[in-house]
C-alpha atoms as a PDB file:
ATOM      1  CA  MET A   1     -35.373 -28.153  20.533  1.00  0.00           C
ATOM      2  CA  THR A   2     -38.417 -26.113  21.534  1.00  0.00           C
ATOM      3  CA  LYS A   3     -38.251 -23.049  23.702  1.00  0.00           C
ATOM      4  CA  LYS A   4     -40.502 -23.132  26.766  1.00  0.00           C
ATOM      5  CA  PRO A   5     -42.350 -19.913  27.493  1.00  0.00           C
ATOM      6  CA  GLN A   6     -41.220 -18.175  30.656  1.00  0.00           C
ATOM      7  CA  LEU A   7     -44.117 -17.443  32.990  1.00  0.00           C
ATOM      8  CA  ALA A   8     -44.113 -15.739  36.358  1.00  0.00           C
ATOM      9  CA  PRO A   9     -44.866 -18.110  39.285  1.00  0.00           C
ATOM     10  CA  GLU A  10     -48.305 -16.575  39.824  1.00  0.00           C
ATOM     11  CA  HIS A  11     -49.132 -17.135  36.143  1.00  0.00           C
ATOM     12  CA  ILE A  12     -48.002 -20.762  36.352  1.00  0.00           C
ATOM     13  CA  SER A  13     -50.418 -21.251  39.233  1.00  0.00           C
ATOM     14  CA  ASP A  14     -53.213 -19.605  37.236  1.00  0.00           C
ATOM     15  CA  VAL A  15     -52.536 -21.767  34.174  1.00  0.00           C
ATOM     16  CA  ILE A  16     -52.565 -24.924  36.330  1.00  0.00           C
ATOM     17  CA  GLN A  17     -55.881 -23.926  37.899  1.00  0.00           C
ATOM     18  CA  MET A  18     -57.351 -23.177  34.481  1.00  0.00           C
ATOM     19  CA  ALA A  19     -56.098 -26.466  33.034  1.00  0.00           C
ATOM     20  CA  LEU A  20     -57.525 -28.439  35.958  1.00  0.00           C
ATOM     21  CA  SER A  21     -60.898 -26.788  35.463  1.00  0.00           C
ATOM     22  CA  ASP A  22     -63.344 -28.670  33.282  1.00  0.00           C
ATOM     23  CA  HIS A  23     -64.784 -25.364  32.080  1.00  0.00           C
ATOM     24  CA  VAL A  24     -61.658 -23.813  30.537  1.00  0.00           C
ATOM     25  CA  SER A  25     -60.347 -24.953  27.160  1.00  0.00           C
ATOM     26  CA  PHE A  26     -56.763 -24.963  25.898  1.00  0.00           C
ATOM     27  CA  THR A  27     -57.849 -22.216  23.494  1.00  0.00           C
ATOM     28  CA  ASP A  28     -58.870 -20.007  26.424  1.00  0.00           C
ATOM     29  CA  ILE A  29     -55.501 -20.586  28.097  1.00  0.00           C
ATOM     30  CA  GLN A  30     -53.667 -19.779  24.869  1.00  0.00           C
ATOM     31  CA  ARG A  31     -55.706 -16.623  24.380  1.00  0.00           C
ATOM     32  CA  GLU A  32     -54.933 -15.382  27.901  1.00  0.00           C
ATOM     33  CA  TYR A  33     -51.324 -16.531  28.388  1.00  0.00           C
ATOM     34  CA  GLY A  34     -50.048 -17.190  24.871  1.00  0.00           C
ATOM     35  CA  ILE A  35     -49.050 -20.808  25.471  1.00  0.00           C
ATOM     36  CA  GLY A  36     -50.312 -23.702  23.379  1.00  0.00           C
ATOM     37  CA  GLU A  37     -51.684 -27.101  24.304  1.00  0.00           C
ATOM     38  CA  LYS A  38     -48.281 -28.829  24.197  1.00  0.00           C
ATOM     39  CA  ASP A  39     -46.791 -26.186  26.497  1.00  0.00           C
ATOM     40  CA  VAL A  40     -49.697 -26.499  28.943  1.00  0.00           C
ATOM     41  CA  LYS A  41     -49.229 -30.264  29.040  1.00  0.00           C
ATOM     42  CA  ALA A  42     -45.475 -29.835  29.644  1.00  0.00           C
ATOM     43  CA  LEU A  43     -46.133 -27.283  32.401  1.00  0.00           C
ATOM     44  CA  MET A  44     -48.623 -29.642  34.047  1.00  0.00           C
ATOM     45  CA  ARG A  45     -46.167 -32.560  33.772  1.00  0.00           C
ATOM     46  CA  ASP A  46     -43.427 -30.460  35.399  1.00  0.00           C
ATOM     47  CA  ASN A  47     -45.592 -29.130  38.232  1.00  0.00           C
ATOM     48  CA  LEU A  48     -47.937 -31.981  39.164  1.00  0.00           C
ATOM     49  CA  LYS A  49     -47.138 -35.282  40.782  1.00  0.00           C
ATOM     50  CA  THR A  50     -46.953 -38.118  38.265  1.00  0.00           C
ATOM     51  CA  GLY A  51     -50.223 -39.695  39.397  1.00  0.00           C
ATOM     52  CA  SER A  52     -52.023 -36.348  39.369  1.00  0.00           C
ATOM     53  CA  TYR A  53     -50.756 -35.597  35.869  1.00  0.00           C
ATOM     54  CA  ARG A  54     -51.870 -39.005  34.572  1.00  0.00           C
ATOM     55  CA  ALA A  55     -55.315 -38.625  36.166  1.00  0.00           C
ATOM     56  CA  TRP A  56     -55.669 -35.150  34.617  1.00  0.00           C
ATOM     57  CA  ARG A  57     -54.645 -36.393  31.147  1.00  0.00           C
ATOM     58  CA  LYS A  58     -57.073 -39.312  31.400  1.00  0.00           C
ATOM     59  CA  ARG A  59     -59.902 -36.961  32.397  1.00  0.00           C
ATOM     60  CA  VAL A  60     -59.114 -34.583  29.511  1.00  0.00           C
ATOM     61  CA  ARG A  61     -58.986 -37.488  27.041  1.00  0.00           C
ATOM     62  CA  ASP A  62     -62.238 -38.973  28.352  1.00  0.00           C
ATOM     63  CA  PHE A  63     -64.038 -35.629  28.127  1.00  0.00           C
ATOM     64  CA  SER A  64     -62.694 -34.942  24.639  1.00  0.00           C
ATOM     65  CA  ASP A  65     -64.010 -38.318  23.469  1.00  0.00           C
ATOM     66  CA  ARG A  66     -67.492 -37.392  24.701  1.00  0.00           C
ATOM     67  CA  ARG A  67     -67.511 -33.740  23.633  1.00  0.00           C
ATOM     68  CA  ALA A  68     -66.407 -32.534  20.256  1.00  0.00           C
ATOM     69  CA  HIS A  69     -65.018 -29.216  21.482  1.00  0.00           C
ATOM     70  CA  TYR A  70     -63.602 -29.990  24.894  1.00  0.00           C
ATOM     71  CA  LYS A  71     -60.103 -28.738  25.702  1.00  0.00           C
END
């Protein structure tokens, strides 16, 4: 069982905005908030609608296939 990091509501909003941005990598989010890629994905899954989460994951996967160092 993994322990989810506890973030203040305003930090959750910031992490979501950063994750939705095409210009911010998971490394940048981890550096600023101390949460890894798996935790960001879980946070996004918990806070976005199912369709929005799936669209975001598809976009991240598509970009990572085209760019070696994306997210």
